[in-house]
C-alpha atoms as a PDB file:
ATOM      1  CA  MET A   1      -1.182 -10.983 -74.406  1.00  0.00           C
ATOM      2  CA  ARG A   2      -2.159 -12.842 -77.552  1.00  0.00           C
ATOM      3  CA  ALA A   3       0.270 -15.641 -76.706  1.00  0.00           C
ATOM      4  CA  ILE A   4      -1.244 -15.916 -73.248  1.00  0.00           C
ATOM      5  CA  LEU A   5      -4.774 -16.135 -74.643  1.00  0.00           C
ATOM      6  CA  LEU A   6      -3.909 -18.686 -77.342  1.00  0.00           C
ATOM      7  CA  GLY A   7      -1.521 -20.749 -75.250  1.00  0.00           C
ATOM      8  CA  GLY A   8      -3.184 -20.526 -71.871  1.00  0.00           C
ATOM      9  CA  ARG A   9      -6.421 -21.676 -70.396  1.00  0.00           C
ATOM     10  CA  PHE A  10      -8.448 -19.072 -72.323  1.00  0.00           C
ATOM     11  CA  ASN A  11      -7.699 -20.713 -75.667  1.00  0.00           C
ATOM     12  CA  PRO A  12     -10.897 -22.408 -76.899  1.00  0.00           C
ATOM     13  CA  LEU A  13      -9.321 -23.955 -80.002  1.00  0.00           C
ATOM     14  CA  PRO A  14      -8.001 -27.185 -78.403  1.00  0.00           C
ATOM     15  CA  ARG A  15     -11.379 -27.813 -76.799  1.00  0.00           C
ATOM     16  CA  LEU A  16     -13.198 -27.211 -80.065  1.00  0.00           C
ATOM     17  CA  ASP A  17     -10.778 -29.484 -81.896  1.00  0.00           C
ATOM     18  CA  SER A  18     -11.155 -32.273 -79.340  1.00  0.00           C
ATOM     19  CA  TRP A  19     -14.948 -31.904 -79.492  1.00  0.00           C
ATOM     20  CA  TRP A  20     -14.883 -32.076 -83.304  1.00  0.00           C
ATOM     21  CA  GLN A  21     -12.655 -35.161 -83.328  1.00  0.00           C
ATOM     22  CA  SER A  22     -14.558 -36.938 -80.567  1.00  0.00           C
ATOM     23  CA  LYS A  23     -16.614 -39.938 -81.587  1.00  0.00           C
ATOM     24  CA  ASP A  24     -18.812 -39.677 -78.517  1.00  0.00           C
ATOM     25  CA  GLN A  25     -20.578 -36.334 -78.936  1.00  0.00           C
ATOM     26  CA  GLY A  26     -23.856 -37.144 -77.269  1.00  0.00           C
ATOM     27  CA  ASN A  27     -27.127 -37.101 -79.147  1.00  0.00           C
ATOM     28  CA  TYR A  28     -26.155 -34.644 -81.882  1.00  0.00           C
ATOM     29  CA  ASP A  29     -24.071 -34.463 -85.037  1.00  0.00           C
ATOM     30  CA  SER A  30     -21.153 -32.007 -84.884  1.00  0.00           C
ATOM     31  CA  VAL A  31     -21.226 -31.378 -88.643  1.00  0.00           C
ATOM     32  CA  PHE A  32     -24.955 -30.654 -88.637  1.00  0.00           C
ATOM     33  CA  LEU A  33     -24.624 -28.418 -85.576  1.00  0.00           C
ATOM     34  CA  SER A  34     -21.742 -26.498 -87.156  1.00  0.00           C
ATOM     35  CA  VAL A  35     -23.692 -25.951 -90.385  1.00  0.00           C
ATOM     36  CA  LEU A  36     -26.691 -24.821 -88.350  1.00  0.00           C
ATOM     37  CA  LEU A  37     -24.623 -22.248 -86.450  1.00  0.00           C
ATOM     38  CA  LEU A  38     -23.119 -21.049 -89.727  1.00  0.00           C
ATOM     39  CA  VAL A  39     -26.577 -20.576 -91.256  1.00  0.00           C
ATOM     40  CA  LEU A  40     -27.717 -18.679 -88.151  1.00  0.00           C
ATOM     41  CA  ALA A  41     -24.687 -16.401 -88.375  1.00  0.00           C
ATOM     42  CA  ILE A  42     -25.294 -15.716 -92.077  1.00  0.00           C
ATOM     43  CA  GLY A  43     -28.954 -15.000 -91.335  1.00  0.00           C
ATOM     44  CA  LEU A  44     -27.995 -12.513 -88.629  1.00  0.00           C
ATOM     45  CA  VAL A  45     -25.682 -10.691 -91.028  1.00  0.00           C
ATOM     46  CA  MET A  46     -28.391 -10.592 -93.709  1.00  0.00           C
ATOM     47  CA  VAL A  47     -31.036  -9.295 -91.301  1.00  0.00           C
ATOM     48  CA  THR A  48     -28.666  -6.597 -90.070  1.00  0.00           C
ATOM     49  CA  SER A  49     -27.561  -5.450 -93.525  1.00  0.00           C
ATOM     50  CA  ALA A  50     -31.092  -5.428 -94.947  1.00  0.00           C
ATOM     51  CA  SER A  51     -32.867  -3.745 -92.022  1.00  0.00           C
ATOM     52  CA  ILE A  52     -30.569  -0.865 -91.020  1.00  0.00           C
ATOM     53  CA  PRO A  53     -32.227   1.850 -93.192  1.00  0.00           C
ATOM     54  CA  VAL A  54     -35.764   0.741 -92.289  1.00  0.00           C
ATOM     55  CA  ALA A  55     -34.996   0.420 -88.569  1.00  0.00           C
ATOM     56  CA  GLU A  56     -33.355   3.821 -88.481  1.00  0.00           C
ATOM     57  CA  ARG A  57     -36.339   5.426 -90.210  1.00  0.00           C
ATOM     58  CA  LEU A  58     -39.019   3.709 -88.116  1.00  0.00           C
ATOM     59  CA  TYR A  59     -37.381   3.392 -84.698  1.00  0.00           C
ATOM     60  CA  ASP A  60     -34.427   5.796 -84.850  1.00  0.00           C
ATOM     61  CA  ASN A  61     -32.236   2.809 -84.037  1.00  0.00           C
ATOM     62  CA  PRO A  62     -30.391   1.135 -86.937  1.00  0.00           C
ATOM     63  CA  LEU A  63     -29.970  -2.110 -84.982  1.00  0.00           C
ATOM     64  CA  HIS A  64     -33.567  -2.462 -83.772  1.00  0.00           C
ATOM     65  CA  PHE A  65     -34.346  -5.510 -85.907  1.00  0.00           C
ATOM     66  CA  THR A  66     -30.905  -6.975 -85.174  1.00  0.00           C
ATOM     67  CA  TYR A  67     -31.555  -6.868 -81.426  1.00  0.00           C
ATOM     68  CA  ARG A  68     -34.976  -8.424 -81.913  1.00  0.00           C
ATOM     69  CA  HIS A  69     -33.486 -11.132 -84.108  1.00  0.00           C
ATOM     70  CA  LEU A  70     -30.867 -11.867 -81.432  1.00  0.00           C
ATOM     71  CA  VAL A  71     -33.616 -12.291 -78.844  1.00  0.00           C
ATOM     72  CA  TYR A  72     -35.397 -14.781 -81.093  1.00  0.00           C
ATOM     73  CA  LEU A  73     -32.111 -16.602 -81.725  1.00  0.00           C
ATOM     74  CA  ALA A  74     -31.497 -16.859 -77.983  1.00  0.00           C
ATOM     75  CA  LEU A  75     -34.990 -18.264 -77.409  1.00  0.00           C
ATOM     76  CA  GLY A  76     -34.493 -20.722 -80.256  1.00  0.00           C
ATOM     77  CA  LEU A  77     -31.128 -21.891 -78.918  1.00  0.00           C
ATOM     78  CA  ILE A  78     -32.605 -22.371 -75.446  1.00  0.00           C
ATOM     79  CA  ALA A  79     -35.438 -24.422 -76.949  1.00  0.00           C
ATOM     80  CA  THR A  80     -32.866 -26.394 -78.961  1.00  0.00           C
ATOM     81  CA  TYR A  81     -30.904 -27.212 -75.825  1.00  0.00           C
ATOM     82  CA  VAL A  82     -34.055 -28.357 -74.016  1.00  0.00           C
ATOM     83  CA  VAL A  83     -35.072 -30.578 -76.946  1.00  0.00           C
ATOM     84  CA  MET A  84     -31.559 -32.052 -77.175  1.00  0.00           C
ATOM     85  CA  ARG A  85     -31.740 -33.025 -73.509  1.00  0.00           C
ATOM     86  CA  LEU A  86     -34.983 -34.939 -74.007  1.00  0.00           C
ATOM     87  CA  PRO A  87     -34.526 -38.676 -74.603  1.00  0.00           C
ATOM     88  CA  VAL A  88     -35.965 -40.267 -77.729  1.00  0.00           C
ATOM     89  CA  SER A  89     -38.268 -42.309 -75.489  1.00  0.00           C
ATOM     90  CA  PHE A  90     -40.070 -39.085 -74.548  1.00  0.00           C
ATOM     91  CA  TRP A  91     -41.087 -38.433 -78.148  1.00  0.00           C
ATOM     92  CA  HIS A  92     -42.014 -42.087 -78.615  1.00  0.00           C
ATOM     93  CA  ASN A  93     -44.140 -42.286 -75.453  1.00  0.00           C
ATOM     94  CA  TYR A  94     -45.948 -38.966 -75.873  1.00  0.00           C
ATOM     95  CA  ASN A  95     -46.426 -38.928 -79.637  1.00  0.00           C
ATOM     96  CA  MET A  96     -50.234 -39.051 -79.442  1.00  0.00           C
ATOM     97  CA  GLN A  97     -50.374 -36.237 -76.878  1.00  0.00           C
ATOM     98  CA  LEU A  98     -48.125 -34.113 -79.076  1.00  0.00           C
ATOM     99  CA  LEU A  99     -50.282 -34.886 -82.106  1.00  0.00           C
ATOM    100  CA  PHE A 100     -53.395 -33.831 -80.196  1.00  0.00           C
ATOM    101  CA  PHE A 101     -51.648 -30.643 -79.060  1.00  0.00           C
ATOM    102  CA  ALA A 102     -50.739 -29.878 -82.673  1.00  0.00           C
ATOM    103  CA  LEU A 103     -54.379 -30.262 -83.693  1.00  0.00           C
ATOM    104  CA  VAL A 104     -55.432 -27.960 -80.842  1.00  0.00           C
ATOM    105  CA  LEU A 105     -52.965 -25.338 -82.083  1.00  0.00           C
ATOM    106  CA  LEU A 106     -54.333 -25.539 -85.621  1.00  0.00           C
ATOM    107  CA  LEU A 107     -57.915 -25.245 -84.389  1.00  0.00           C
ATOM    108  CA  ALA A 108     -56.929 -22.324 -82.169  1.00  0.00           C
ATOM    109  CA  VAL A 109     -55.678 -20.524 -85.268  1.00  0.00           C
ATOM    110  CA  LEU A 110     -59.154 -20.775 -86.802  1.00  0.00           C
ATOM    111  CA  ILE A 111     -60.698 -19.210 -83.684  1.00  0.00           C
ATOM    112  CA  PHE A 112     -58.086 -16.797 -82.342  1.00  0.00           C
ATOM    113  CA  GLY A 113     -55.656 -16.494 -85.257  1.00  0.00           C
ATOM    114  CA  ARG A 114     -54.501 -13.235 -86.821  1.00  0.00           C
ATOM    115  CA  ASN A 115     -55.434 -12.590 -90.426  1.00  0.00           C
ATOM    116  CA  VAL A 116     -52.492 -11.477 -92.544  1.00  0.00           C
ATOM    117  CA  ASN A 117     -52.851 -10.974 -96.323  1.00  0.00           C
ATOM    118  CA  GLY A 118     -56.069 -12.956 -96.418  1.00  0.00           C
ATOM    119  CA  SER A 119     -54.661 -15.983 -94.541  1.00  0.00           C
ATOM    120  CA  THR A 120     -55.173 -16.852 -90.884  1.00  0.00           C
ATOM    121  CA  ARG A 121     -51.968 -18.581 -89.833  1.00  0.00           C
ATOM    122  CA  TRP A 122     -50.612 -16.797 -86.773  1.00  0.00           C
ATOM    123  CA  LEU A 123     -51.269 -17.062 -83.039  1.00  0.00           C
ATOM    124  CA  ALA A 124     -50.327 -14.044 -80.930  1.00  0.00           C
ATOM    125  CA  VAL A 125     -48.668 -15.134 -77.676  1.00  0.00           C
ATOM    126  CA  GLY A 126     -47.784 -11.885 -75.957  1.00  0.00           C
ATOM    127  CA  PRO A 127     -45.250 -10.051 -78.129  1.00  0.00           C
ATOM    128  CA  ILE A 128     -44.509 -13.195 -80.148  1.00  0.00           C
ATOM    129  CA  ASN A 129     -46.463 -14.461 -83.148  1.00  0.00           C
ATOM    130  CA  ILE A 130     -46.389 -18.235 -83.629  1.00  0.00           C
ATOM    131  CA  GLN A 131     -47.187 -19.943 -86.908  1.00  0.00           C
ATOM    132  CA  ALA A 132     -49.048 -22.959 -85.581  1.00  0.00           C
ATOM    133  CA  ALA A 133     -48.337 -25.072 -88.659  1.00  0.00           C
ATOM    134  CA  GLU A 134     -44.629 -25.209 -87.788  1.00  0.00           C
ATOM    135  CA  PRO A 135     -44.899 -27.134 -84.469  1.00  0.00           C
ATOM    136  CA  ALA A 136     -47.755 -29.097 -86.041  1.00  0.00           C
ATOM    137  CA  LYS A 137     -45.380 -30.390 -88.731  1.00  0.00           C
ATOM    138  CA  LEU A 138     -42.853 -31.470 -86.120  1.00  0.00           C
ATOM    139  CA  PHE A 139     -45.411 -33.217 -83.918  1.00  0.00           C
ATOM    140  CA  PHE A 140     -47.035 -34.954 -86.876  1.00  0.00           C
ATOM    141  CA  PHE A 141     -43.728 -36.441 -87.999  1.00  0.00           C
ATOM    142  CA  VAL A 142     -42.956 -37.435 -84.401  1.00  0.00           C
ATOM    143  CA  TYR A 143     -46.222 -39.372 -84.422  1.00  0.00           C
ATOM    144  CA  LEU A 144     -45.473 -40.817 -87.856  1.00  0.00           C
ATOM    145  CA  ALA A 145     -42.008 -41.991 -86.811  1.00  0.00           C
ATOM    146  CA  SER A 146     -43.384 -43.574 -83.649  1.00  0.00           C
ATOM    147  CA  TYR A 147     -46.197 -45.221 -85.616  1.00  0.00           C
ATOM    148  CA  LEU A 148     -43.762 -46.744 -88.111  1.00  0.00           C
ATOM    149  CA  VAL A 149     -41.667 -48.125 -85.255  1.00  0.00           C
ATOM    150  CA  ARG A 150     -44.661 -49.601 -83.447  1.00  0.00           C
ATOM    151  CA  ARG A 151     -46.512 -50.898 -86.515  1.00  0.00           C
ATOM    152  CA  HIS A 152     -43.747 -51.566 -89.031  1.00  0.00           C
ATOM    153  CA  GLU A 153     -44.929 -55.127 -89.686  1.00  0.00           C
ATOM    154  CA  GLU A 154     -48.517 -53.981 -90.166  1.00  0.00           C
ATOM    155  CA  VAL A 155     -47.436 -51.194 -92.522  1.00  0.00           C
ATOM    156  CA  ARG A 156     -45.444 -53.614 -94.679  1.00  0.00           C
ATOM    157  CA  GLU A 157     -48.020 -56.371 -94.836  1.00  0.00           C
ATOM    158  CA  ASN A 158     -51.427 -54.710 -94.423  1.00  0.00           C
ATOM    159  CA  LEU A 159     -52.977 -51.928 -96.481  1.00  0.00           C
ATOM    160  CA  MET A 160     -54.958 -50.632 -93.504  1.00  0.00           C
ATOM    161  CA  GLY A 161     -51.760 -50.197 -91.531  1.00  0.00           C
ATOM    162  CA  PHE A 162     -50.532 -47.991 -94.348  1.00  0.00           C
ATOM    163  CA  ILE A 163     -53.761 -45.961 -94.522  1.00  0.00           C
ATOM    164  CA  LYS A 164     -54.245 -45.232 -90.789  1.00  0.00           C
ATOM    165  CA  PRO A 165     -51.728 -42.378 -90.462  1.00  0.00           C
ATOM    166  CA  LEU A 166     -53.076 -40.850 -93.663  1.00  0.00           C
ATOM    167  CA  ASN A 167     -56.334 -40.147 -91.818  1.00  0.00           C
ATOM    168  CA  TYR A 168     -54.492 -37.848 -89.412  1.00  0.00           C
ATOM    169  CA  ALA A 169     -52.672 -36.253 -92.323  1.00  0.00           C
ATOM    170  CA  LEU A 170     -56.030 -35.576 -94.001  1.00  0.00           C
ATOM    171  CA  CYS A 171     -57.392 -33.900 -90.857  1.00  0.00           C
ATOM    172  CA  PHE A 172     -54.306 -31.724 -90.567  1.00  0.00           C
ATOM    173  CA  CYS A 173     -54.459 -30.816 -94.227  1.00  0.00           C
ATOM    174  CA  CYS A 174     -58.114 -29.795 -94.054  1.00  0.00           C
ATOM    175  CA  VAL A 175     -57.519 -27.545 -91.049  1.00  0.00           C
ATOM    176  CA  VAL A 176     -54.413 -25.954 -92.549  1.00  0.00           C
ATOM    177  CA  ILE A 177     -55.972 -25.329 -95.955  1.00  0.00           C
ATOM    178  CA  ASN A 178     -59.078 -23.872 -94.326  1.00  0.00           C
ATOM    179  CA  ALA A 179     -56.915 -21.550 -92.214  1.00  0.00           C
ATOM    180  CA  ALA A 180     -54.886 -20.521 -95.243  1.00  0.00           C
ATOM    181  CA  ARG A 181     -58.010 -20.159 -97.400  1.00  0.00           C
ATOM    182  CA  PHE A 182     -56.590 -22.416-100.067  1.00  0.00           C
ATOM    183  CA  ARG A 183     -53.211 -20.720-100.142  1.00  0.00           C
ATOM    184  CA  HIS A 184     -50.737 -23.549-100.502  1.00  0.00           C
ATOM    185  CA  GLY A 185     -47.952 -22.277 -98.237  1.00  0.00           C
ATOM    186  CA  ASN A 186     -48.576 -24.507 -95.225  1.00  0.00           C
ATOM    187  CA  SER A 187     -50.366 -27.450 -96.774  1.00  0.00           C
ATOM    188  CA  ASP A 188     -47.014 -29.245 -96.935  1.00  0.00           C
ATOM    189  CA  VAL A 189     -47.804 -30.396 -93.399  1.00  0.00           C
ATOM    190  CA  CYS A 190     -49.581 -33.291 -95.066  1.00  0.00           C
ATOM    191  CA  TYR A 191     -48.129 -33.352 -98.580  1.00  0.00           C
ATOM    192  CA  GLY A 192     -44.631 -33.643 -97.127  1.00  0.00           C
ATOM    193  CA  CYS A 193     -45.476 -37.000 -95.604  1.00  0.00           C
ATOM    194  CA  ARG A 194     -46.357 -38.591 -98.953  1.00  0.00           C
ATOM    195  CA  PRO A 195     -42.817 -39.729 -99.838  1.00  0.00           C
ATOM    196  CA  VAL A 196     -42.124 -40.794 -96.250  1.00  0.00           C
ATOM    197  CA  ILE A 197     -44.827 -43.403 -95.741  1.00  0.00           C
ATOM    198  CA  PRO A 198     -44.317 -45.288 -99.010  1.00  0.00           C
ATOM    199  CA  GLY A 199     -40.635 -45.453 -98.072  1.00  0.00           C
ATOM    200  CA  ARG A 200     -41.566 -47.982 -95.448  1.00  0.00           C
ATOM    201  CA  ARG A 201     -43.011 -50.233 -98.161  1.00  0.00           C
END
């Protein structure tokens, strides 16, 4: 039976090997994807090993948090697949809309956000809590990358071209710090861009 599985059509190893050796792997890096899957697997093992006693005491099910983590992993992998299918032109063409959406999310946290440990950072969307600063970081850097492509000459030669994106970073930083009540956890949404923009100089 083992010989049939490994030598027949059910053997995935040749396909994995050909995919790994292929130079045309689409819009993703096989090494990065493999490391990502490895980190996800290690995280699943850690969540399972650390949560069994608590889950059994609270829910009478030792794998309660494991099942929930698997659901979140599935949602994340689906979102990853959708993002991988989007062309780079999409992010370039809709960077301002995404930036505006990120700002709306951050403002929504101030109005509808949940307060946890003195900081208002979470939006409750049904059974899922979303930390609005996370998509905001992504959308801000999408805008920043698109801006540097569109205005690279202005950024290199004109001080105002360098300062313009910093205005958006300042707005984001003010909203995030106000939501976090001066807790520094999420303020890297703007501080993280500091080494990126001078890199274009």
